[in-house]
């Protein structure tokens, strides 16, 4: 058995990597020297709250209300993270509006589709406006019976901007998926159901009902 790696990054690539830049940020913030990944890993375990606070700051997460504490408690089942923090993850995911690729999608027939950040932003905005015109409000529940495709991401982000709850049951599960979705909808009142018209599988357009 050959234990030699298939590929290794050169020194310049390593130096400019997100991990190296974050490690340098930690060293400046806390006056520490982490000369290897193993050292960084151990430090993150020994200093959990400091590590995640630094990561939150380094990634420049957009938020409307700052957190009071990073971590309350040390029991994984009851611990509370970033108490007081309020943010909308759709706002963070849609912060870029340029022509760089945001989504690369390939279906089972190996057909590839690319969506730029600009296209994603515009389509999410259009979908969110449609939800608004349909009367969807903040605390309404929206479900989706949809494939794992760009449309699912667009619907999810538009929903995250507008409502509190979302349910996704991919029609690739066929009747089982529809049964799951139906059971969930019976448990919780749903204001709106998003559905795709057709899905492509084995070069055939299927109607998912």
N, C-alpha and C. Protein backbone atom coordinates (compact mmCIF):
# COMPACT_ATOMS: atom_id res chain seq x y z
N UNK A 1 0.84 -1.20 0.00
CA UNK A 1 0.00 0.00 0.00
C UNK A 1 0.87 1.25 0.00
N UNK A 2 0.55 2.19 -0.88
CA UNK A 2 1.32 3.42 -1.00
C UNK A 2 0.72 4.48 -0.08
N UNK A 3 1.50 4.91 0.93
CA UNK A 3 1.02 5.91 1.88
C UNK A 3 1.33 7.34 1.44
N UNK A 4 1.94 7.49 0.30
CA UNK A 4 2.29 8.81 -0.18
C UNK A 4 1.02 9.55 -0.63
N UNK A 5 0.83 10.80 -0.18
CA UNK A 5 -0.36 11.57 -0.58
C UNK A 5 -0.44 11.75 -2.09
N UNK A 6 -1.63 11.75 -2.63
CA UNK A 6 -1.81 11.96 -4.06
C UNK A 6 -1.41 13.37 -4.45
N UNK A 7 -1.68 14.32 -3.54
CA UNK A 7 -1.36 15.72 -3.84
C UNK A 7 -1.02 16.45 -2.55
N UNK A 8 -0.07 17.37 -2.62
CA UNK A 8 0.30 18.21 -1.49
C UNK A 8 0.39 19.65 -1.96
N UNK A 9 -0.16 20.59 -1.18
CA UNK A 9 -0.08 22.00 -1.57
C UNK A 9 1.33 22.53 -1.40
N UNK A 10 1.70 23.50 -2.23
CA UNK A 10 3.02 24.10 -2.08
C UNK A 10 3.00 25.10 -0.92
N UNK A 11 4.15 25.61 -0.55
CA UNK A 11 4.26 26.48 0.62
C UNK A 11 3.45 27.77 0.47
N UNK A 12 3.38 28.30 -0.75
CA UNK A 12 2.62 29.53 -0.98
C UNK A 12 1.13 29.29 -0.78
N UNK A 13 0.65 28.18 -1.28
CA UNK A 13 -0.76 27.85 -1.13
C UNK A 13 -1.11 27.65 0.34
N UNK A 14 -0.23 27.00 1.08
CA UNK A 14 -0.46 26.78 2.51
C UNK A 14 -0.48 28.12 3.25
N UNK A 15 0.44 28.98 2.91
CA UNK A 15 0.55 30.27 3.58
C UNK A 15 -0.70 31.13 3.36
N UNK A 16 -1.28 31.03 2.18
CA UNK A 16 -2.45 31.85 1.83
C UNK A 16 -3.78 31.16 2.11
N UNK A 17 -3.74 29.98 2.70
CA UNK A 17 -4.98 29.26 2.97
C UNK A 17 -5.78 29.93 4.09
N UNK A 18 -7.09 29.66 4.12
CA UNK A 18 -7.94 30.21 5.17
C UNK A 18 -7.48 29.76 6.55
N UNK A 19 -7.03 28.51 6.64
CA UNK A 19 -6.60 27.98 7.93
C UNK A 19 -5.36 28.71 8.43
N UNK A 20 -4.40 28.95 7.56
CA UNK A 20 -3.18 29.65 7.96
C UNK A 20 -3.50 31.09 8.35
N UNK A 21 -4.37 31.74 7.60
CA UNK A 21 -4.73 33.12 7.90
C UNK A 21 -5.47 33.21 9.24
N UNK A 22 -6.34 32.24 9.51
CA UNK A 22 -7.06 32.23 10.78
C UNK A 22 -6.10 31.95 11.94
N UNK A 23 -5.16 31.05 11.73
CA UNK A 23 -4.17 30.75 12.77
C UNK A 23 -3.34 31.99 13.10
N UNK A 24 -2.99 32.75 12.07
CA UNK A 24 -2.25 33.99 12.30
C UNK A 24 -3.12 34.98 13.07
N UNK A 25 -4.40 35.04 12.75
CA UNK A 25 -5.34 35.93 13.45
C UNK A 25 -5.40 35.57 14.94
N UNK A 26 -5.44 34.27 15.23
CA UNK A 26 -5.45 33.82 16.62
C UNK A 26 -4.17 34.24 17.34
N UNK A 27 -3.04 34.10 16.66
CA UNK A 27 -1.77 34.43 17.29
C UNK A 27 -1.70 35.92 17.65
N UNK A 28 -2.29 36.76 16.80
CA UNK A 28 -2.29 38.20 17.06
C UNK A 28 -3.29 38.56 18.16
N UNK A 29 -4.43 37.90 18.17
CA UNK A 29 -5.48 38.22 19.12
C UNK A 29 -5.13 37.79 20.54
N UNK A 30 -4.55 36.60 20.66
CA UNK A 30 -4.30 36.03 21.99
C UNK A 30 -2.81 35.92 22.35
N UNK A 31 -1.95 36.43 21.47
CA UNK A 31 -0.51 36.38 21.71
C UNK A 31 -0.03 34.95 21.98
N UNK A 32 -0.36 34.06 21.04
CA UNK A 32 0.04 32.66 21.15
C UNK A 32 0.74 32.25 19.86
N UNK A 33 1.44 31.15 19.92
CA UNK A 33 2.14 30.64 18.74
C UNK A 33 1.71 29.20 18.50
N UNK A 34 0.99 28.99 17.41
CA UNK A 34 0.48 27.66 17.07
C UNK A 34 1.17 27.23 15.77
N UNK A 35 2.25 26.48 15.91
CA UNK A 35 3.11 26.20 14.77
C UNK A 35 2.67 25.00 13.93
N UNK A 36 1.58 24.34 14.31
CA UNK A 36 1.11 23.20 13.53
C UNK A 36 -0.40 23.04 13.69
N UNK A 37 -0.98 22.26 12.79
CA UNK A 37 -2.42 22.01 12.87
C UNK A 37 -2.77 21.30 14.18
N UNK A 38 -1.92 20.38 14.61
CA UNK A 38 -2.17 19.64 15.84
C UNK A 38 -2.22 20.59 17.04
N UNK A 39 -1.33 21.59 17.04
CA UNK A 39 -1.31 22.57 18.13
C UNK A 39 -2.60 23.41 18.11
N UNK A 40 -3.01 23.80 16.92
CA UNK A 40 -4.26 24.56 16.77
C UNK A 40 -5.45 23.74 17.25
N UNK A 41 -5.49 22.50 16.85
CA UNK A 41 -6.57 21.60 17.24
C UNK A 41 -6.66 21.46 18.75
N UNK A 42 -5.53 21.23 19.40
CA UNK A 42 -5.52 21.07 20.85
C UNK A 42 -5.91 22.37 21.55
N UNK A 43 -5.42 23.50 21.02
CA UNK A 43 -5.77 24.78 21.63
C UNK A 43 -7.27 25.05 21.53
N UNK A 44 -7.88 24.65 20.41
CA UNK A 44 -9.32 24.86 20.24
C UNK A 44 -10.12 24.04 21.24
N UNK A 45 -9.61 22.90 21.65
CA UNK A 45 -10.27 22.05 22.65
C UNK A 45 -10.09 22.61 24.05
N UNK A 46 -8.90 23.11 24.32
CA UNK A 46 -8.59 23.64 25.66
C UNK A 46 -9.19 25.03 25.88
N UNK A 47 -9.50 25.72 24.79
CA UNK A 47 -10.00 27.10 24.88
C UNK A 47 -11.23 27.25 23.97
N UNK A 48 -12.26 26.51 24.27
CA UNK A 48 -13.41 26.42 23.38
C UNK A 48 -14.05 27.78 23.12
N UNK A 49 -14.37 28.52 24.18
CA UNK A 49 -15.05 29.80 24.01
C UNK A 49 -14.19 30.80 23.24
N UNK A 50 -12.90 30.86 23.57
CA UNK A 50 -11.99 31.78 22.87
C UNK A 50 -11.89 31.43 21.39
N UNK A 51 -11.81 30.14 21.09
CA UNK A 51 -11.68 29.70 19.70
C UNK A 51 -12.90 30.13 18.88
N UNK A 52 -14.10 29.86 19.40
CA UNK A 52 -15.30 30.17 18.63
C UNK A 52 -15.60 31.65 18.57
N UNK A 53 -15.20 32.39 19.61
CA UNK A 53 -15.35 33.84 19.54
C UNK A 53 -14.45 34.41 18.45
N UNK A 54 -13.23 33.91 18.39
CA UNK A 54 -12.30 34.38 17.36
C UNK A 54 -12.78 34.01 15.97
N UNK A 55 -13.32 32.80 15.82
CA UNK A 55 -13.82 32.37 14.51
C UNK A 55 -15.01 33.23 14.09
N UNK A 56 -15.88 33.56 15.04
CA UNK A 56 -17.03 34.42 14.77
C UNK A 56 -16.56 35.78 14.26
N UNK A 57 -15.56 36.34 14.91
CA UNK A 57 -15.04 37.64 14.51
C UNK A 57 -14.31 37.55 13.17
N UNK A 58 -13.51 36.50 13.00
CA UNK A 58 -12.70 36.37 11.79
C UNK A 58 -13.55 36.21 10.54
N UNK A 59 -14.65 35.48 10.65
CA UNK A 59 -15.51 35.24 9.49
C UNK A 59 -16.46 36.39 9.23
N UNK A 60 -16.45 37.40 10.11
CA UNK A 60 -17.23 38.62 9.90
C UNK A 60 -18.71 38.31 9.66
N UNK A 61 -19.28 37.52 10.55
CA UNK A 61 -20.69 37.14 10.43
C UNK A 61 -21.58 38.36 10.66
N UNK A 62 -22.50 38.58 9.74
CA UNK A 62 -23.44 39.70 9.86
C UNK A 62 -24.48 39.35 10.91
N UNK A 63 -24.73 40.27 11.84
CA UNK A 63 -25.72 40.03 12.88
C UNK A 63 -26.38 41.33 13.29
N UNK A 64 -27.60 41.24 13.81
CA UNK A 64 -28.34 42.44 14.21
C UNK A 64 -28.19 42.73 15.69
N UNK A 65 -27.96 41.69 16.51
CA UNK A 65 -27.79 41.85 17.95
C UNK A 65 -26.56 41.07 18.39
N UNK A 66 -25.62 41.70 19.10
CA UNK A 66 -24.41 40.99 19.53
C UNK A 66 -24.70 39.96 20.62
N UNK A 67 -23.79 39.00 20.78
CA UNK A 67 -23.97 37.99 21.81
C UNK A 67 -23.49 38.51 23.16
N UNK A 68 -24.07 37.97 24.22
CA UNK A 68 -23.66 38.31 25.59
C UNK A 68 -22.51 37.41 26.04
N UNK A 69 -22.66 36.13 25.82
CA UNK A 69 -21.62 35.15 26.16
C UNK A 69 -21.48 34.16 25.01
N UNK A 70 -20.27 33.64 24.83
CA UNK A 70 -20.03 32.67 23.76
C UNK A 70 -20.59 31.31 24.14
N UNK A 71 -20.30 30.86 25.35
CA UNK A 71 -20.69 29.51 25.76
C UNK A 71 -21.10 29.50 27.23
N UNK A 72 -22.28 28.92 27.49
CA UNK A 72 -22.76 28.75 28.85
C UNK A 72 -22.92 27.26 29.12
N UNK A 73 -22.14 26.73 30.07
CA UNK A 73 -22.21 25.31 30.40
C UNK A 73 -21.21 24.50 29.60
N UNK A 74 -20.91 23.31 30.12
CA UNK A 74 -19.96 22.43 29.44
C UNK A 74 -20.56 21.07 29.08
N UNK A 75 -21.87 20.93 29.25
CA UNK A 75 -22.56 19.71 28.86
C UNK A 75 -23.08 19.88 27.44
N UNK A 76 -22.68 19.00 26.54
CA UNK A 76 -23.04 19.15 25.14
C UNK A 76 -24.55 19.15 24.92
N UNK A 77 -25.31 18.54 25.84
CA UNK A 77 -26.76 18.45 25.68
C UNK A 77 -27.48 19.72 26.12
N UNK A 78 -26.87 20.47 27.04
CA UNK A 78 -27.55 21.64 27.62
C UNK A 78 -26.80 22.95 27.40
N UNK A 79 -25.62 22.89 26.84
CA UNK A 79 -24.82 24.11 26.64
C UNK A 79 -25.54 25.08 25.71
N UNK A 80 -25.38 26.37 25.98
CA UNK A 80 -25.97 27.41 25.15
C UNK A 80 -24.85 28.20 24.48
N UNK A 81 -25.00 28.34 23.17
CA UNK A 81 -23.97 29.03 22.38
C UNK A 81 -24.44 30.43 21.99
N UNK A 82 -23.55 31.40 22.12
CA UNK A 82 -23.78 32.77 21.67
C UNK A 82 -25.12 33.31 22.14
N UNK A 83 -25.34 33.26 23.44
CA UNK A 83 -26.60 33.75 24.02
C UNK A 83 -26.80 35.23 23.68
N UNK A 84 -28.01 35.55 23.25
CA UNK A 84 -28.35 36.92 22.90
C UNK A 84 -28.12 37.29 21.45
N UNK A 85 -27.39 36.47 20.73
CA UNK A 85 -27.07 36.78 19.33
C UNK A 85 -28.29 36.61 18.44
N UNK A 86 -28.48 37.55 17.55
CA UNK A 86 -29.53 37.45 16.54
C UNK A 86 -28.91 37.69 15.17
N UNK A 87 -29.21 36.76 14.24
CA UNK A 87 -28.70 36.91 12.88
C UNK A 87 -29.65 36.21 11.91
N UNK A 88 -29.49 36.51 10.66
CA UNK A 88 -30.24 35.84 9.60
C UNK A 88 -29.21 35.21 8.67
N UNK A 89 -29.18 33.86 8.63
CA UNK A 89 -28.13 33.22 7.84
C UNK A 89 -28.31 33.46 6.35
N UNK A 90 -29.54 33.76 5.90
CA UNK A 90 -29.75 34.09 4.49
C UNK A 90 -29.01 35.38 4.14
N UNK A 91 -29.06 36.34 5.05
CA UNK A 91 -28.35 37.60 4.84
C UNK A 91 -26.85 37.35 4.70
N UNK A 92 -26.32 36.43 5.49
CA UNK A 92 -24.89 36.12 5.42
C UNK A 92 -24.54 35.39 4.13
N UNK A 93 -25.37 34.44 3.73
CA UNK A 93 -25.08 33.67 2.52
C UNK A 93 -25.25 34.50 1.25
N UNK A 94 -26.03 35.57 1.34
CA UNK A 94 -26.30 36.40 0.17
C UNK A 94 -25.52 37.72 0.20
N UNK A 95 -24.46 37.77 0.99
CA UNK A 95 -23.72 39.03 1.13
C UNK A 95 -22.98 39.38 -0.16
N UNK A 96 -22.66 38.37 -0.98
CA UNK A 96 -21.95 38.63 -2.24
C UNK A 96 -22.96 38.70 -3.38
N UNK A 97 -22.72 39.63 -4.30
CA UNK A 97 -23.66 39.83 -5.41
C UNK A 97 -22.90 39.98 -6.73
N UNK A 98 -21.78 39.23 -6.85
CA UNK A 98 -20.95 39.34 -8.05
C UNK A 98 -21.14 38.12 -8.95
N UNK A 99 -20.27 37.98 -9.93
CA UNK A 99 -20.42 36.91 -10.91
C UNK A 99 -19.65 35.64 -10.55
N UNK A 100 -19.05 35.60 -9.37
CA UNK A 100 -18.40 34.36 -8.94
C UNK A 100 -19.44 33.27 -8.73
N UNK A 101 -19.02 32.02 -8.90
CA UNK A 101 -19.95 30.90 -8.79
C UNK A 101 -20.35 30.65 -7.34
N UNK A 102 -21.65 30.59 -7.11
CA UNK A 102 -22.18 30.30 -5.78
C UNK A 102 -22.60 28.83 -5.67
N UNK A 103 -23.16 28.28 -6.74
CA UNK A 103 -23.68 26.90 -6.72
C UNK A 103 -23.22 26.17 -7.98
N UNK A 104 -22.72 24.97 -7.78
CA UNK A 104 -22.46 24.05 -8.90
C UNK A 104 -23.34 22.83 -8.67
N UNK A 105 -24.28 22.62 -9.55
CA UNK A 105 -25.24 21.53 -9.39
C UNK A 105 -25.11 20.53 -10.52
N UNK A 106 -25.12 19.25 -10.20
CA UNK A 106 -25.08 18.20 -11.21
C UNK A 106 -26.11 17.15 -10.86
N UNK A 107 -26.99 16.86 -11.81
CA UNK A 107 -28.04 15.87 -11.54
C UNK A 107 -27.54 14.46 -11.85
N UNK A 108 -28.42 13.49 -11.73
CA UNK A 108 -28.02 12.09 -11.90
C UNK A 108 -27.62 11.77 -13.33
N UNK A 109 -28.04 12.60 -14.27
CA UNK A 109 -27.66 12.41 -15.67
C UNK A 109 -26.40 13.20 -16.01
N UNK A 110 -25.74 13.72 -14.97
CA UNK A 110 -24.47 14.44 -15.09
C UNK A 110 -24.60 15.76 -15.84
N UNK A 111 -25.79 16.32 -15.87
CA UNK A 111 -25.98 17.65 -16.44
C UNK A 111 -25.63 18.68 -15.37
N UNK A 112 -24.77 19.61 -15.73
CA UNK A 112 -24.25 20.57 -14.76
C UNK A 112 -24.87 21.95 -14.94
N UNK A 113 -25.16 22.57 -13.83
CA UNK A 113 -25.72 23.93 -13.82
C UNK A 113 -24.93 24.77 -12.83
N UNK A 114 -24.56 25.98 -13.25
CA UNK A 114 -23.86 26.90 -12.37
C UNK A 114 -24.71 28.14 -12.12
N UNK A 115 -24.71 28.59 -10.88
CA UNK A 115 -25.46 29.78 -10.49
C UNK A 115 -24.50 30.75 -9.83
N UNK A 116 -24.42 31.97 -10.32
CA UNK A 116 -23.52 32.97 -9.75
C UNK A 116 -24.16 33.57 -8.49
N UNK A 117 -23.34 34.27 -7.70
CA UNK A 117 -23.87 34.94 -6.51
C UNK A 117 -24.90 35.99 -6.91
N UNK A 118 -24.66 36.68 -8.01
CA UNK A 118 -25.60 37.68 -8.48
C UNK A 118 -26.93 37.05 -8.87
N UNK A 119 -26.87 35.95 -9.61
CA UNK A 119 -28.10 35.25 -10.01
C UNK A 119 -28.83 34.69 -8.79
N UNK A 120 -28.07 34.15 -7.84
CA UNK A 120 -28.67 33.61 -6.63
C UNK A 120 -29.39 34.70 -5.86
N UNK A 121 -28.74 35.84 -5.69
CA UNK A 121 -29.34 36.95 -4.96
C UNK A 121 -30.63 37.41 -5.63
N UNK A 122 -30.60 37.56 -6.95
CA UNK A 122 -31.77 38.04 -7.68
C UNK A 122 -32.93 37.05 -7.62
N UNK A 123 -32.62 35.75 -7.73
CA UNK A 123 -33.67 34.74 -7.69
C UNK A 123 -34.26 34.59 -6.30
N UNK A 124 -33.43 34.70 -5.27
CA UNK A 124 -33.94 34.65 -3.90
C UNK A 124 -34.82 35.86 -3.62
N UNK A 125 -34.39 37.03 -4.09
CA UNK A 125 -35.18 38.24 -3.89
C UNK A 125 -36.53 38.12 -4.58
N UNK A 126 -36.53 37.55 -5.78
CA UNK A 126 -37.78 37.36 -6.52
C UNK A 126 -38.71 36.40 -5.80
N UNK A 127 -38.13 35.31 -5.30
CA UNK A 127 -38.93 34.31 -4.58
C UNK A 127 -39.47 34.89 -3.27
N UNK A 128 -38.64 35.64 -2.56
CA UNK A 128 -39.07 36.26 -1.30
C UNK A 128 -40.20 37.25 -1.54
N UNK A 129 -40.10 38.00 -2.65
CA UNK A 129 -41.17 38.94 -2.99
C UNK A 129 -42.46 38.19 -3.30
N UNK A 130 -42.33 37.03 -3.96
CA UNK A 130 -43.51 36.21 -4.23
C UNK A 130 -44.16 35.70 -2.95
N UNK A 131 -43.34 35.30 -1.99
CA UNK A 131 -43.87 34.86 -0.70
C UNK A 131 -44.62 36.00 -0.01
N UNK A 132 -44.05 37.19 -0.11
CA UNK A 132 -44.66 38.36 0.51
C UNK A 132 -46.03 38.66 -0.11
N UNK A 133 -46.10 38.56 -1.44
CA UNK A 133 -47.35 38.84 -2.12
C UNK A 133 -48.42 37.79 -1.80
N UNK A 134 -47.97 36.57 -1.45
CA UNK A 134 -48.90 35.52 -1.06
C UNK A 134 -49.34 35.63 0.39
N UNK A 135 -48.80 36.63 1.08
CA UNK A 135 -49.23 36.87 2.45
C UNK A 135 -48.45 36.14 3.51
N UNK A 136 -47.28 35.58 3.13
CA UNK A 136 -46.47 34.85 4.11
C UNK A 136 -45.82 35.84 5.08
N UNK A 137 -45.97 35.57 6.36
CA UNK A 137 -45.42 36.43 7.40
C UNK A 137 -44.33 35.71 8.18
N UNK A 138 -43.75 36.41 9.14
CA UNK A 138 -42.59 35.94 9.87
C UNK A 138 -42.80 34.59 10.56
N UNK A 139 -43.92 34.38 11.20
CA UNK A 139 -44.13 33.17 12.00
C UNK A 139 -44.89 32.07 11.26
N UNK A 140 -45.11 32.25 9.95
CA UNK A 140 -45.79 31.22 9.17
C UNK A 140 -44.84 30.07 8.88
N UNK A 141 -45.42 28.91 8.57
CA UNK A 141 -44.63 27.73 8.22
C UNK A 141 -44.75 27.45 6.72
N UNK A 142 -43.60 27.21 6.11
CA UNK A 142 -43.55 26.93 4.68
C UNK A 142 -42.90 25.57 4.48
N UNK A 143 -43.52 24.72 3.69
CA UNK A 143 -42.96 23.40 3.39
C UNK A 143 -42.54 23.36 1.92
N UNK A 144 -41.65 22.43 1.60
CA UNK A 144 -41.19 22.29 0.21
C UNK A 144 -41.12 20.82 -0.16
N UNK A 145 -41.75 20.45 -1.27
CA UNK A 145 -41.66 19.10 -1.84
C UNK A 145 -40.87 19.26 -3.13
N UNK A 146 -39.54 19.11 -3.03
CA UNK A 146 -38.68 19.60 -4.09
C UNK A 146 -37.40 18.77 -4.15
N UNK A 147 -36.76 18.76 -5.30
CA UNK A 147 -35.51 18.02 -5.47
C UNK A 147 -34.34 18.75 -4.81
N UNK A 148 -33.23 18.04 -4.63
CA UNK A 148 -32.01 18.66 -4.13
C UNK A 148 -31.34 19.40 -5.30
N UNK A 149 -31.80 20.60 -5.54
CA UNK A 149 -31.39 21.37 -6.71
C UNK A 149 -31.23 22.83 -6.31
N UNK A 150 -30.74 23.68 -7.22
CA UNK A 150 -30.64 25.11 -6.89
C UNK A 150 -31.97 25.71 -6.44
N UNK A 151 -33.07 25.20 -6.99
CA UNK A 151 -34.38 25.72 -6.59
C UNK A 151 -34.66 25.49 -5.11
N UNK A 152 -34.15 24.38 -4.57
CA UNK A 152 -34.33 24.10 -3.15
C UNK A 152 -33.59 25.13 -2.30
N UNK A 153 -32.37 25.46 -2.72
CA UNK A 153 -31.58 26.46 -1.99
C UNK A 153 -32.23 27.83 -2.10
N UNK A 154 -32.70 28.17 -3.29
CA UNK A 154 -33.35 29.46 -3.49
C UNK A 154 -34.60 29.56 -2.63
N UNK A 155 -35.41 28.51 -2.62
CA UNK A 155 -36.62 28.51 -1.80
C UNK A 155 -36.30 28.59 -0.32
N UNK A 156 -35.26 27.87 0.11
CA UNK A 156 -34.88 27.88 1.52
C UNK A 156 -34.43 29.27 1.96
N UNK A 157 -33.58 29.91 1.14
CA UNK A 157 -33.08 31.23 1.50
C UNK A 157 -34.19 32.28 1.50
N UNK A 158 -35.08 32.18 0.52
CA UNK A 158 -36.21 33.12 0.48
C UNK A 158 -37.12 32.92 1.69
N UNK A 159 -37.31 31.67 2.07
CA UNK A 159 -38.12 31.37 3.25
C UNK A 159 -37.45 31.87 4.52
N UNK A 160 -36.13 31.70 4.61
CA UNK A 160 -35.40 32.14 5.80
C UNK A 160 -35.49 33.65 5.98
N UNK A 161 -35.67 34.37 4.92
CA UNK A 161 -35.81 35.82 5.01
C UNK A 161 -37.19 36.22 5.51
N UNK A 162 -38.15 35.31 5.37
CA UNK A 162 -39.54 35.70 5.58
C UNK A 162 -40.23 35.01 6.74
N UNK A 163 -39.86 33.75 7.03
CA UNK A 163 -40.66 32.98 7.97
C UNK A 163 -39.80 32.31 9.03
N UNK A 164 -40.43 31.52 9.87
CA UNK A 164 -39.77 30.90 11.00
C UNK A 164 -39.43 29.43 10.77
N UNK A 165 -40.20 28.74 9.97
CA UNK A 165 -40.09 27.28 9.89
C UNK A 165 -40.12 26.81 8.45
N UNK A 166 -39.27 25.84 8.12
CA UNK A 166 -39.29 25.27 6.78
C UNK A 166 -39.18 23.76 6.83
N UNK A 167 -39.82 23.06 5.93
CA UNK A 167 -39.78 21.59 5.85
C UNK A 167 -39.45 21.21 4.42
N UNK A 168 -38.49 20.30 4.25
CA UNK A 168 -38.07 19.88 2.92
C UNK A 168 -38.15 18.37 2.82
N UNK A 169 -38.93 17.88 1.87
CA UNK A 169 -39.01 16.44 1.61
C UNK A 169 -38.75 16.21 0.13
N UNK A 170 -37.56 15.73 -0.25
CA UNK A 170 -37.23 15.59 -1.66
C UNK A 170 -38.06 14.52 -2.36
N UNK A 171 -38.62 14.81 -3.54
CA UNK A 171 -39.43 13.83 -4.25
C UNK A 171 -38.64 12.65 -4.77
N UNK A 172 -37.30 12.70 -4.68
CA UNK A 172 -36.50 11.55 -5.08
C UNK A 172 -36.87 10.34 -4.22
N UNK A 173 -37.48 10.60 -3.04
CA UNK A 173 -37.94 9.52 -2.18
C UNK A 173 -39.29 8.98 -2.64
N UNK A 174 -39.79 9.54 -3.72
CA UNK A 174 -41.05 9.10 -4.31
C UNK A 174 -42.18 9.14 -3.29
N UNK A 175 -43.00 8.09 -3.27
CA UNK A 175 -44.17 8.13 -2.41
C UNK A 175 -43.80 8.14 -0.93
N UNK A 176 -42.65 7.55 -0.63
CA UNK A 176 -42.21 7.58 0.76
C UNK A 176 -41.95 9.02 1.20
N UNK A 177 -41.30 9.80 0.31
CA UNK A 177 -41.04 11.19 0.62
C UNK A 177 -42.33 11.98 0.77
N UNK A 178 -43.30 11.71 -0.11
CA UNK A 178 -44.58 12.41 -0.04
C UNK A 178 -45.31 12.05 1.24
N UNK A 179 -45.21 10.78 1.65
CA UNK A 179 -45.85 10.35 2.89
C UNK A 179 -45.24 11.05 4.09
N UNK A 180 -43.91 11.16 4.10
CA UNK A 180 -43.23 11.85 5.19
C UNK A 180 -43.69 13.31 5.26
N UNK A 181 -43.71 13.96 4.10
CA UNK A 181 -44.13 15.36 4.07
C UNK A 181 -45.57 15.51 4.55
N UNK A 182 -46.44 14.60 4.12
CA UNK A 182 -47.85 14.67 4.51
C UNK A 182 -48.00 14.52 6.03
N UNK A 183 -47.26 13.58 6.60
CA UNK A 183 -47.33 13.37 8.05
C UNK A 183 -46.86 14.61 8.80
N UNK A 184 -45.77 15.23 8.32
CA UNK A 184 -45.27 16.42 8.99
C UNK A 184 -46.26 17.56 8.87
N UNK A 185 -46.88 17.69 7.71
CA UNK A 185 -47.83 18.78 7.50
C UNK A 185 -49.08 18.59 8.34
N UNK A 186 -49.43 17.34 8.59
CA UNK A 186 -50.59 17.07 9.45
C UNK A 186 -50.29 17.41 10.90
N UNK A 187 -49.01 17.30 11.29
CA UNK A 187 -48.62 17.62 12.66
C UNK A 187 -48.56 19.13 12.89
N UNK A 188 -48.16 19.86 11.88
CA UNK A 188 -47.99 21.30 12.01
C UNK A 188 -48.76 22.00 10.90
N UNK A 189 -49.52 23.01 11.25
CA UNK A 189 -50.24 23.77 10.24
C UNK A 189 -49.24 24.45 9.32
N UNK A 190 -49.44 24.30 8.01
CA UNK A 190 -48.53 24.87 7.02
C UNK A 190 -49.27 25.93 6.21
N UNK A 191 -48.68 27.10 6.10
CA UNK A 191 -49.31 28.19 5.37
C UNK A 191 -49.13 28.02 3.87
N UNK A 192 -47.95 27.49 3.47
CA UNK A 192 -47.63 27.42 2.04
C UNK A 192 -46.81 26.18 1.75
N UNK A 193 -47.05 25.55 0.62
CA UNK A 193 -46.28 24.39 0.17
C UNK A 193 -45.64 24.72 -1.17
N UNK A 194 -44.29 24.67 -1.22
CA UNK A 194 -43.56 24.85 -2.47
C UNK A 194 -43.39 23.50 -3.15
N UNK A 195 -43.69 23.43 -4.44
CA UNK A 195 -43.61 22.16 -5.18
C UNK A 195 -42.99 22.41 -6.55
N UNK A 196 -42.13 21.50 -7.00
CA UNK A 196 -41.61 21.59 -8.36
C UNK A 196 -42.60 20.94 -9.32
N UNK A 197 -42.61 21.43 -10.57
CA UNK A 197 -43.54 20.89 -11.56
C UNK A 197 -43.11 19.52 -12.05
N UNK A 198 -41.80 19.37 -12.31
CA UNK A 198 -41.26 18.09 -12.76
C UNK A 198 -39.87 17.90 -12.20
N UNK A 199 -39.38 16.66 -12.24
CA UNK A 199 -38.01 16.36 -11.87
C UNK A 199 -37.41 15.44 -12.92
N UNK A 200 -36.10 15.62 -13.19
CA UNK A 200 -35.45 14.83 -14.22
C UNK A 200 -34.66 13.69 -13.60
N UNK A 201 -34.94 12.47 -14.04
CA UNK A 201 -34.23 11.28 -13.56
C UNK A 201 -34.16 10.28 -14.71
N UNK A 202 -32.97 9.76 -14.95
CA UNK A 202 -32.76 8.82 -16.05
C UNK A 202 -33.22 9.40 -17.38
N UNK A 203 -32.92 10.72 -17.56
CA UNK A 203 -33.25 11.45 -18.79
C UNK A 203 -34.75 11.53 -19.04
N UNK A 204 -35.54 11.33 -18.02
CA UNK A 204 -37.00 11.41 -18.14
C UNK A 204 -37.51 12.46 -17.16
N UNK A 205 -38.44 13.29 -17.61
CA UNK A 205 -39.08 14.26 -16.72
C UNK A 205 -40.25 13.59 -16.00
N UNK A 206 -40.12 13.51 -14.68
CA UNK A 206 -41.15 12.88 -13.86
C UNK A 206 -41.99 13.94 -13.17
N UNK A 207 -43.27 13.64 -13.01
CA UNK A 207 -44.15 14.49 -12.20
C UNK A 207 -44.13 13.91 -10.79
N UNK A 208 -43.71 14.67 -9.79
CA UNK A 208 -43.45 14.13 -8.46
C UNK A 208 -44.69 13.90 -7.61
N UNK A 209 -45.80 13.55 -8.21
CA UNK A 209 -47.01 13.25 -7.43
C UNK A 209 -47.67 11.99 -7.99
